[in-house]
Amino acid sequence: MPHSLKECTLLTIEGIENFVSYLNISCLQIGNKRNQTQHMERKQKSLTETPEEKGKQLIARHEYEK
């Protein structure tokens, strides 16, 4: 039994497994939030580009892939 609210004691393997699962899920949620932010930033950037800039990028990408 924990001594206070600030302390937590894992008494069983199941408790440790639950704790690890919780951490994994938390990390995935944080990662998803970051990916969504990066996706929105890329989307906004692509909306502000002119057709000439997009054409130059396509040519540069094509040359790079050769």
PDB file of N, CA and C in Angstrom:
ATOM      1  N   MET A   1       0.841  -1.178   0.000  1.00  0.00           N
ATOM      2  CA  MET A   1       0.000   0.000   0.000  1.00  0.00           C
ATOM      3  C   MET A   1       0.889   1.245   0.000  1.00  0.00           C
ATOM      4  N   PRO A   2       0.600   2.219  -0.854  1.00  0.00           N
ATOM      5  CA  PRO A   2       1.410   3.449  -0.885  1.00  0.00           C
ATOM      6  C   PRO A   2       1.323   4.204   0.441  1.00  0.00           C
ATOM      7  N   HIS A   3       2.414   4.846   0.808  1.00  0.00           N
ATOM      8  CA  HIS A   3       2.446   5.594   2.054  1.00  0.00           C
ATOM      9  C   HIS A   3       1.737   6.932   1.923  1.00  0.00           C
ATOM     10  N   SER A   4       1.782   7.523   0.772  1.00  0.00           N
ATOM     11  CA  SER A   4       1.098   8.793   0.552  1.00  0.00           C
ATOM     12  C   SER A   4       0.731   8.897  -0.917  1.00  0.00           C
ATOM     13  N   LEU A   5       0.061   9.953  -1.287  1.00  0.00           N
ATOM     14  CA  LEU A   5      -0.336  10.135  -2.684  1.00  0.00           C
ATOM     15  C   LEU A   5       0.862  10.400  -3.590  1.00  0.00           C
ATOM     16  N   LYS A   6       1.942  10.916  -3.031  1.00  0.00           N
ATOM     17  CA  LYS A   6       3.119  11.234  -3.835  1.00  0.00           C
ATOM     18  C   LYS A   6       3.955  10.003  -4.164  1.00  0.00           C
ATOM     19  N   GLU A   7       3.789   8.935  -3.418  1.00  0.00           N
ATOM     20  CA  GLU A   7       4.581   7.730  -3.627  1.00  0.00           C
ATOM     21  C   GLU A   7       3.709   6.636  -4.222  1.00  0.00           C
ATOM     22  N   CYS A   8       4.300   5.829  -5.064  1.00  0.00           N
ATOM     23  CA  CYS A   8       3.579   4.723  -5.670  1.00  0.00           C
ATOM     24  C   CYS A   8       4.462   3.487  -5.589  1.00  0.00           C
ATOM     25  N   THR A   9       3.901   2.399  -5.129  1.00  0.00           N
ATOM     26  CA  THR A   9       4.654   1.155  -5.031  1.00  0.00           C
ATOM     27  C   THR A   9       4.060   0.139  -5.987  1.00  0.00           C
ATOM     28  N   LEU A  10       4.898  -0.422  -6.850  1.00  0.00           N
ATOM     29  CA  LEU A  10       4.446  -1.466  -7.760  1.00  0.00           C
ATOM     30  C   LEU A  10       4.727  -2.807  -7.094  1.00  0.00           C
ATOM     31  N   LEU A  11       3.676  -3.482  -6.668  1.00  0.00           N
ATOM     32  CA  LEU A  11       3.849  -4.705  -5.896  1.00  0.00           C
ATOM     33  C   LEU A  11       3.870  -5.953  -6.753  1.00  0.00           C
ATOM     34  N   THR A  12       3.361  -5.879  -7.962  1.00  0.00           N
ATOM     35  CA  THR A  12       3.276  -7.084  -8.786  1.00  0.00           C
ATOM     36  C   THR A  12       3.836  -6.819 -10.173  1.00  0.00           C
ATOM     37  N   ILE A  13       4.135  -7.893 -10.874  1.00  0.00           N
ATOM     38  CA  ILE A  13       4.572  -7.782 -12.266  1.00  0.00           C
ATOM     39  C   ILE A  13       3.461  -7.151 -13.098  1.00  0.00           C
ATOM     40  N   GLU A  14       2.223  -7.498 -12.793  1.00  0.00           N
ATOM     41  CA  GLU A  14       1.089  -6.922 -13.524  1.00  0.00           C
ATOM     42  C   GLU A  14       1.060  -5.404 -13.369  1.00  0.00           C
ATOM     43  N   GLY A  15       1.374  -4.919 -12.184  1.00  0.00           N
ATOM     44  CA  GLY A  15       1.420  -3.477 -11.956  1.00  0.00           C
ATOM     45  C   GLY A  15       2.501  -2.815 -12.794  1.00  0.00           C
ATOM     46  N   ILE A  16       3.654  -3.458 -12.897  1.00  0.00           N
ATOM     47  CA  ILE A  16       4.745  -2.931 -13.716  1.00  0.00           C
ATOM     48  C   ILE A  16       4.347  -2.942 -15.187  1.00  0.00           C
ATOM     49  N   GLU A  17       3.714  -4.037 -15.637  1.00  0.00           N
ATOM     50  CA  GLU A  17       3.274  -4.123 -17.036  1.00  0.00           C
ATOM     51  C   GLU A  17       2.248  -3.040 -17.348  1.00  0.00           C
ATOM     52  N   ASN A  18       1.332  -2.799 -16.428  1.00  0.00           N
ATOM     53  CA  ASN A  18       0.335  -1.745 -16.638  1.00  0.00           C
ATOM     54  C   ASN A  18       1.000  -0.375 -16.727  1.00  0.00           C
ATOM     55  N   PHE A  19       1.994  -0.156 -15.880  1.00  0.00           N
ATOM     56  CA  PHE A  19       2.710   1.116 -15.888  1.00  0.00           C
ATOM     57  C   PHE A  19       3.443   1.320 -17.211  1.00  0.00           C
ATOM     58  N   VAL A  20       4.110   0.284 -17.700  1.00  0.00           N
ATOM     59  CA  VAL A  20       4.825   0.361 -18.978  1.00  0.00           C
ATOM     60  C   VAL A  20       3.840   0.604 -20.117  1.00  0.00           C
ATOM     61  N   SER A  21       2.699  -0.069 -20.102  1.00  0.00           N
ATOM     62  CA  SER A  21       1.680   0.144 -21.137  1.00  0.00           C
ATOM     63  C   SER A  21       1.193   1.587 -21.122  1.00  0.00           C
ATOM     64  N   TYR A  22       0.976   2.120 -19.928  1.00  0.00           N
ATOM     65  CA  TYR A  22       0.538   3.508 -19.799  1.00  0.00           C
ATOM     66  C   TYR A  22       1.574   4.459 -20.400  1.00  0.00           C
ATOM     67  N   LEU A  23       2.850   4.228 -20.101  1.00  0.00           N
ATOM     68  CA  LEU A  23       3.900   5.088 -20.649  1.00  0.00           C
ATOM     69  C   LEU A  23       3.963   4.987 -22.169  1.00  0.00           C
ATOM     70  N   ASN A  24       3.830   3.778 -22.708  1.00  0.00           N
ATOM     71  CA  ASN A  24       3.852   3.601 -24.164  1.00  0.00           C
ATOM     72  C   ASN A  24       2.712   4.348 -24.826  1.00  0.00           C
ATOM     73  N   ILE A  25       1.523   4.250 -24.265  1.00  0.00           N
ATOM     74  CA  ILE A  25       0.363   4.941 -24.836  1.00  0.00           C
ATOM     75  C   ILE A  25       0.561   6.449 -24.750  1.00  0.00           C
ATOM     76  N   SER A  26       1.085   6.929 -23.623  1.00  0.00           N
ATOM     77  CA  SER A  26       1.326   8.366 -23.460  1.00  0.00           C
ATOM     78  C   SER A  26       2.312   8.873 -24.501  1.00  0.00           C
ATOM     79  N   CYS A  27       3.376   8.112 -24.744  1.00  0.00           N
ATOM     80  CA  CYS A  27       4.381   8.520 -25.729  1.00  0.00           C
ATOM     81  C   CYS A  27       3.781   8.540 -27.127  1.00  0.00           C
ATOM     82  N   LEU A  28       2.932   7.583 -27.448  1.00  0.00           N
ATOM     83  CA  LEU A  28       2.293   7.558 -28.764  1.00  0.00           C
ATOM     84  C   LEU A  28       1.405   8.772 -28.951  1.00  0.00           C
ATOM     85  N   GLN A  29       0.666   9.153 -27.903  1.00  0.00           N
ATOM     86  CA  GLN A  29      -0.218  10.308 -28.011  1.00  0.00           C
ATOM     87  C   GLN A  29       0.584  11.581 -28.221  1.00  0.00           C
ATOM     88  N   ILE A  30       1.695  11.722 -27.520  1.00  0.00           N
ATOM     89  CA  ILE A  30       2.552  12.900 -27.692  1.00  0.00           C
ATOM     90  C   ILE A  30       3.123  12.916 -29.102  1.00  0.00           C
ATOM     91  N   GLY A  31       3.573  11.758 -29.587  1.00  0.00           N
ATOM     92  CA  GLY A  31       4.107  11.668 -30.944  1.00  0.00           C
ATOM     93  C   GLY A  31       3.069  12.037 -31.981  1.00  0.00           C
ATOM     94  N   ASN A  32       1.835  11.596 -31.799  1.00  0.00           N
ATOM     95  CA  ASN A  32       0.775  11.913 -32.748  1.00  0.00           C
ATOM     96  C   ASN A  32       0.493  13.405 -32.777  1.00  0.00           C
ATOM     97  N   LYS A  33       0.515  14.054 -31.624  1.00  0.00           N
ATOM     98  CA  LYS A  33       0.285  15.500 -31.581  1.00  0.00           C
ATOM     99  C   LYS A  33       1.381  16.234 -32.342  1.00  0.00           C
ATOM    100  N   ARG A  34       2.626  15.799 -32.170  1.00  0.00           N
ATOM    101  CA  ARG A  34       3.740  16.443 -32.875  1.00  0.00           C
ATOM    102  C   ARG A  34       3.613  16.238 -34.377  1.00  0.00           C
ATOM    103  N   ASN A  35       3.263  15.034 -34.808  1.00  0.00           N
ATOM    104  CA  ASN A  35       3.122  14.748 -36.234  1.00  0.00           C
ATOM    105  C   ASN A  35       2.005  15.572 -36.849  1.00  0.00           C
ATOM    106  N   GLN A  36       0.901  15.752 -36.121  1.00  0.00           N
ATOM    107  CA  GLN A  36      -0.202  16.557 -36.634  1.00  0.00           C
ATOM    108  C   GLN A  36       0.240  17.999 -36.810  1.00  0.00           C
ATOM    109  N   THR A  37       1.015  18.507 -35.860  1.00  0.00           N
ATOM    110  CA  THR A  37       1.501  19.883 -35.947  1.00  0.00           C
ATOM    111  C   THR A  37       2.419  20.038 -37.148  1.00  0.00           C
ATOM    112  N   GLN A  38       3.332  19.094 -37.346  1.00  0.00           N
ATOM    113  CA  GLN A  38       4.248  19.172 -38.478  1.00  0.00           C
ATOM    114  C   GLN A  38       3.481  19.098 -39.788  1.00  0.00           C
ATOM    115  N   HIS A  39       2.455  18.240 -39.845  1.00  0.00           N
ATOM    116  CA  HIS A  39       1.651  18.113 -41.059  1.00  0.00           C
ATOM    117  C   HIS A  39       0.952  19.432 -41.368  1.00  0.00           C
ATOM    118  N   MET A  40       0.395  20.085 -40.349  1.00  0.00           N
ATOM    119  CA  MET A  40      -0.295  21.354 -40.563  1.00  0.00           C
ATOM    120  C   MET A  40       0.685  22.429 -41.023  1.00  0.00           C
ATOM    121  N   GLU A  41       1.897  22.456 -40.450  1.00  0.00           N
ATOM    122  CA  GLU A  41       2.890  23.445 -40.867  1.00  0.00           C
ATOM    123  C   GLU A  41       3.263  23.238 -42.327  1.00  0.00           C
ATOM    124  N   ARG A  42       3.444  21.966 -42.732  1.00  0.00           N
ATOM    125  CA  ARG A  42       3.782  21.678 -44.128  1.00  0.00           C
ATOM    126  C   ARG A  42       2.634  22.071 -45.044  1.00  0.00           C
ATOM    127  N   LYS A  43       1.407  21.811 -44.614  1.00  0.00           N
ATOM    128  CA  LYS A  43       0.241  22.124 -45.434  1.00  0.00           C
ATOM    129  C   LYS A  43       0.129  23.638 -45.620  1.00  0.00           C
ATOM    130  N   GLN A  44       0.318  24.402 -44.540  1.00  0.00           N
ATOM    131  CA  GLN A  44       0.243  25.854 -44.639  1.00  0.00           C
ATOM    132  C   GLN A  44       1.336  26.391 -45.552  1.00  0.00           C
ATOM    133  N   LYS A  45       2.525  25.825 -45.461  1.00  0.00           N
ATOM    134  CA  LYS A  45       3.628  26.277 -46.301  1.00  0.00           C
ATOM    135  C   LYS A  45       3.303  26.026 -47.773  1.00  0.00           C
ATOM    136  N   SER A  46       2.724  24.858 -48.071  1.00  0.00           N
ATOM    137  CA  SER A  46       2.428  24.543 -49.465  1.00  0.00           C
ATOM    138  C   SER A  46       1.337  25.451 -50.021  1.00  0.00           C
ATOM    139  N   LEU A  47       0.453  25.944 -49.175  1.00  0.00           N
ATOM    140  CA  LEU A  47      -0.604  26.835 -49.647  1.00  0.00           C
ATOM    141  C   LEU A  47      -0.060  28.220 -49.991  1.00  0.00           C
ATOM    142  N   THR A  48       1.044  28.620 -49.363  1.00  0.00           N
ATOM    143  CA  THR A  48       1.581  29.955 -49.596  1.00  0.00           C
ATOM    144  C   THR A  48       2.596  29.997 -50.734  1.00  0.00           C
ATOM    145  N   GLU A  49       2.980  28.834 -51.269  1.00  0.00           N
ATOM    146  CA  GLU A  49       3.965  28.807 -52.349  1.00  0.00           C
ATOM    147  C   GLU A  49       3.325  29.207 -53.677  1.00  0.00           C
ATOM    148  N   THR A  50       4.083  29.892 -54.490  1.00  0.00           N
ATOM    149  CA  THR A  50       3.595  30.270 -55.815  1.00  0.00           C
ATOM    150  C   THR A  50       3.791  29.103 -56.772  1.00  0.00           C
ATOM    151  N   PRO A  51       3.079  29.093 -57.886  1.00  0.00           N
ATOM    152  CA  PRO A  51       3.264  28.020 -58.873  1.00  0.00           C
ATOM    153  C   PRO A  51       4.706  27.929 -59.376  1.00  0.00           C
ATOM    154  N   GLU A  52       5.389  29.079 -59.478  1.00  0.00           N
ATOM    155  CA  GLU A  52       6.777  29.066 -59.937  1.00  0.00           C
ATOM    156  C   GLU A  52       7.668  28.322 -58.941  1.00  0.00           C
ATOM    157  N   GLU A  53       7.445  28.574 -57.638  1.00  0.00           N
ATOM    158  CA  GLU A  53       8.235  27.891 -56.617  1.00  0.00           C
ATOM    159  C   GLU A  53       7.981  26.388 -56.654  1.00  0.00           C
ATOM    160  N   LYS A  54       6.723  26.008 -56.827  1.00  0.00           N
ATOM    161  CA  LYS A  54       6.388  24.584 -56.900  1.00  0.00           C
ATOM    162  C   LYS A  54       7.056  23.941 -58.106  1.00  0.00           C
ATOM    163  N   GLY A  55       7.071  24.647 -59.242  1.00  0.00           N
ATOM    164  CA  GLY A  55       7.719  24.129 -60.444  1.00  0.00           C
ATOM    165  C   GLY A  55       9.208  23.933 -60.239  1.00  0.00           C
ATOM    166  N   LYS A  56       9.852  24.905 -59.597  1.00  0.00           N
ATOM    167  CA  LYS A  56      11.283  24.792 -59.319  1.00  0.00           C
ATOM    168  C   LYS A  56      11.573  23.608 -58.404  1.00  0.00           C
ATOM    169  N   GLN A  57      10.715  23.408 -57.412  1.00  0.00           N
ATOM    170  CA  GLN A  57      10.905  22.279 -56.498  1.00  0.00           C
ATOM    171  C   GLN A  57      10.750  20.953 -57.229  1.00  0.00           C
ATOM    172  N   LEU A  58       9.774  20.858 -58.126  1.00  0.00           N
ATOM    173  CA  LEU A  58       9.575  19.626 -58.890  1.00  0.00           C
ATOM    174  C   LEU A  58      10.780  19.329 -59.778  1.00  0.00           C
ATOM    175  N   ILE A  59      11.319  20.370 -60.420  1.00  0.00           N
ATOM    176  CA  ILE A  59      12.496  20.191 -61.276  1.00  0.00           C
ATOM    177  C   ILE A  59      13.690  19.745 -60.435  1.00  0.00           C
ATOM    178  N   ALA A  60      13.884  20.397 -59.289  1.00  0.00           N
ATOM    179  CA  ALA A  60      15.003  20.040 -58.414  1.00  0.00           C
ATOM    180  C   ALA A  60      14.859  18.605 -57.913  1.00  0.00           C
ATOM    181  N   ARG A  61      13.650  18.214 -57.538  1.00  0.00           N
ATOM    182  CA  ARG A  61      13.427  16.844 -57.069  1.00  0.00           C
ATOM    183  C   ARG A  61      13.692  15.839 -58.177  1.00  0.00           C
ATOM    184  N   HIS A  62      13.253  16.167 -59.401  1.00  0.00           N
ATOM    185  CA  HIS A  62      13.466  15.277 -60.543  1.00  0.00           C
ATOM    186  C   HIS A  62      14.958  15.119 -60.830  1.00  0.00           C
ATOM    187  N   GLU A  63      15.696  16.221 -60.780  1.00  0.00           N
ATOM    188  CA  GLU A  63      17.142  16.173 -61.008  1.00  0.00           C
ATOM    189  C   GLU A  63      17.842  15.368 -59.916  1.00  0.00           C
ATOM    190  N   TYR A  64      17.372  15.508 -58.696  1.00  0.00           N
ATOM    191  CA  TYR A  64      17.982  14.790 -57.576  1.00  0.00           C
ATOM    192  C   TYR A  64      17.768  13.284 -57.716  1.00  0.00           C
ATOM    193  N   GLU A  65      16.594  12.880 -58.201  1.00  0.00           N
ATOM    194  CA  GLU A  65      16.267  11.461 -58.322  1.00  0.00           C
ATOM    195  C   GLU A  65      17.018  10.780 -59.459  1.00  0.00           C
ATOM    196  N   LYS A  66      17.564  11.541 -60.401  1.00  0.00           N
ATOM    197  CA  LYS A  66      18.287  10.939 -61.533  1.00  0.00           C
ATOM    198  C   LYS A  66      19.544  10.265 -61.120  1.00  0.00           C
TER     199      LYS A  66
END
